[in-house]
Amino acid sequence: MSQCLTACNPDLIQGVHETEFDTVTLLNMSNFFKAISDPTRLRILQAVRQKTICVGDLAIALQMTKSAISHQLRYLRDCQLVKGEKKGKMTYYELADDHVAAVLSLTLKHLKEEKHEERV
């Protein structure tokens, strides 16, 4: 164990190694952040955040192939970030719940605050 250059207060570091997250929760959180770490998936999430939309319309809006969109939607669905509803032969996608929208909104808010601080 390494030593600090200054004297440490054992009371301050007690419990630092403890976490409220168990191993499964940590893995799930890691997978969530991996899912939203890809710019293409973020573009898809932003699009379905605005409106319920089908693969074909997403492909046109994001200037991508239907195959590429479908692949990313499958990944996002597996991570429970989007959900699809079948209407006839078409599947329409939307965010899985309000929490996903909240994470996106909070991230944008954080980034805007960060940029504002850089200008000051």
Protein backbone atom coordinates (compact mmCIF):
# COMPACT_ATOMS: atom_id res chain seq x y z
CA MET A 1 0.00 0.00 0.00
CA SER A 2 1.39 3.41 -0.97
CA GLN A 3 1.76 6.29 1.43
CA CYS A 4 0.59 9.85 0.89
CA LEU A 5 3.13 12.63 1.04
CA THR A 6 1.03 14.19 3.78
CA ALA A 7 -0.50 12.47 6.76
CA CYS A 8 -3.87 10.90 5.91
CA ASN A 9 -6.87 10.83 8.17
CA PRO A 10 -8.01 7.18 8.41
CA ASP A 11 -11.56 8.33 9.18
CA LEU A 12 -11.77 10.11 5.81
CA ILE A 13 -10.75 7.09 3.75
CA GLN A 14 -12.76 4.49 5.62
CA GLY A 15 -15.42 3.05 3.34
CA VAL A 16 -13.97 4.49 0.12
CA HIS A 17 -13.57 1.00 -1.34
CA GLU A 18 -17.19 0.21 -0.60
CA THR A 19 -19.79 0.85 -3.26
CA GLU A 20 -23.55 0.64 -3.55
CA PHE A 21 -23.12 -1.16 -6.86
CA ASP A 22 -22.81 -4.91 -6.95
CA THR A 23 -20.87 -6.59 -9.77
CA VAL A 24 -23.94 -7.17 -11.95
CA THR A 25 -25.04 -3.55 -11.57
CA LEU A 26 -21.55 -2.32 -12.47
CA LEU A 27 -21.53 -4.50 -15.60
CA ASN A 28 -25.00 -3.30 -16.60
CA MET A 29 -23.98 0.32 -16.11
CA SER A 30 -20.83 -0.25 -18.14
CA ASN A 31 -22.88 -1.80 -20.96
CA PHE A 32 -25.28 1.16 -20.86
CA PHE A 33 -22.43 3.64 -21.27
CA LYS A 34 -20.88 1.52 -24.03
CA ALA A 35 -24.20 1.59 -25.86
CA ILE A 36 -24.44 5.37 -25.78
CA SER A 37 -20.74 5.90 -26.49
CA ASP A 38 -21.17 5.39 -30.24
CA PRO A 39 -22.01 8.53 -32.30
CA THR A 40 -24.27 6.60 -34.68
CA ARG A 41 -26.30 5.15 -31.81
CA LEU A 42 -26.54 8.61 -30.24
CA ARG A 43 -27.89 9.99 -33.52
CA ILE A 44 -30.49 7.22 -33.56
CA LEU A 45 -31.42 7.87 -29.92
CA GLN A 46 -31.79 11.58 -30.65
CA ALA A 47 -34.03 10.82 -33.63
CA VAL A 48 -36.32 8.42 -31.75
CA ARG A 49 -36.37 10.84 -28.85
CA GLN A 50 -38.02 13.38 -31.14
CA LYS A 51 -40.65 11.04 -32.60
CA THR A 52 -41.65 7.42 -33.07
CA ILE A 53 -40.06 6.39 -36.35
CA CYS A 54 -39.52 3.36 -38.59
CA VAL A 55 -36.21 1.97 -39.88
CA GLY A 56 -36.73 3.32 -43.39
CA ASP A 57 -37.38 6.86 -42.21
CA LEU A 58 -34.42 6.67 -39.82
CA ALA A 59 -32.21 5.54 -42.69
CA ILE A 60 -33.31 8.51 -44.80
CA ALA A 61 -33.02 11.01 -41.93
CA LEU A 62 -29.54 9.82 -40.91
CA GLN A 63 -28.36 9.09 -44.46
CA MET A 64 -27.53 5.48 -43.65
CA THR A 65 -28.60 2.10 -44.99
CA LYS A 66 -31.58 0.30 -43.52
CA SER A 67 -29.24 -2.58 -42.68
CA ALA A 68 -26.91 -0.33 -40.67
CA ILE A 69 -29.84 1.26 -38.83
CA SER A 70 -31.37 -2.16 -38.08
CA HIS A 71 -28.07 -3.43 -36.71
CA GLN A 72 -27.74 -0.45 -34.35
CA LEU A 73 -31.38 -0.62 -33.31
CA ARG A 74 -30.95 -4.30 -32.41
CA TYR A 75 -28.03 -3.34 -30.17
CA LEU A 76 -30.00 -0.50 -28.57
CA ARG A 77 -33.00 -2.80 -28.09
CA ASP A 78 -30.81 -5.45 -26.45
CA CYS A 79 -29.53 -2.75 -24.08
CA GLN A 80 -33.15 -1.74 -23.37
CA LEU A 81 -32.67 1.81 -24.64
CA VAL A 82 -35.29 1.63 -27.41
CA LYS A 83 -38.41 -0.39 -27.97
CA GLY A 84 -40.25 -1.23 -31.12
CA GLU A 85 -43.95 -1.62 -31.83
CA LYS A 86 -45.16 -3.58 -34.83
CA LYS A 87 -47.88 -1.96 -36.94
CA GLY A 88 -48.61 -4.24 -39.84
CA LYS A 89 -45.32 -5.01 -41.56
CA MET A 90 -43.57 -1.97 -40.09
CA THR A 91 -41.89 -1.60 -36.72
CA TYR A 92 -41.83 1.86 -35.17
CA TYR A 93 -39.17 2.70 -32.61
CA GLU A 94 -39.15 5.00 -29.61
CA LEU A 95 -37.08 5.42 -26.48
CA ALA A 96 -37.61 2.61 -24.00
CA ASP A 97 -38.59 5.03 -21.23
CA ASP A 98 -38.25 8.56 -19.88
CA HIS A 99 -34.99 7.68 -18.12
CA VAL A 100 -33.16 7.36 -21.43
CA ALA A 101 -34.42 10.80 -22.47
CA ALA A 102 -33.35 12.18 -19.08
CA VAL A 103 -29.81 10.82 -19.46
CA LEU A 104 -29.54 12.42 -22.91
CA SER A 105 -30.93 15.73 -21.63
CA LEU A 106 -28.65 15.79 -18.60
CA THR A 107 -25.64 15.00 -20.74
CA LEU A 108 -26.44 17.88 -23.09
CA LYS A 109 -27.01 20.20 -20.15
CA HIS A 110 -23.69 19.18 -18.63
CA LEU A 111 -21.82 19.74 -21.89
CA LYS A 112 -23.40 23.18 -22.37
CA GLU A 113 -22.40 24.18 -18.83
CA GLU A 114 -18.87 22.94 -19.47
CA LYS A 115 -18.60 25.02 -22.67
CA HIS A 116 -19.99 28.07 -20.87
CA GLU A 117 -17.36 27.72 -18.14
CA GLU A 118 -14.59 27.54 -20.76
CA ARG A 119 -15.68 30.90 -22.24
CA VAL A 120 -15.78 32.69 -18.88
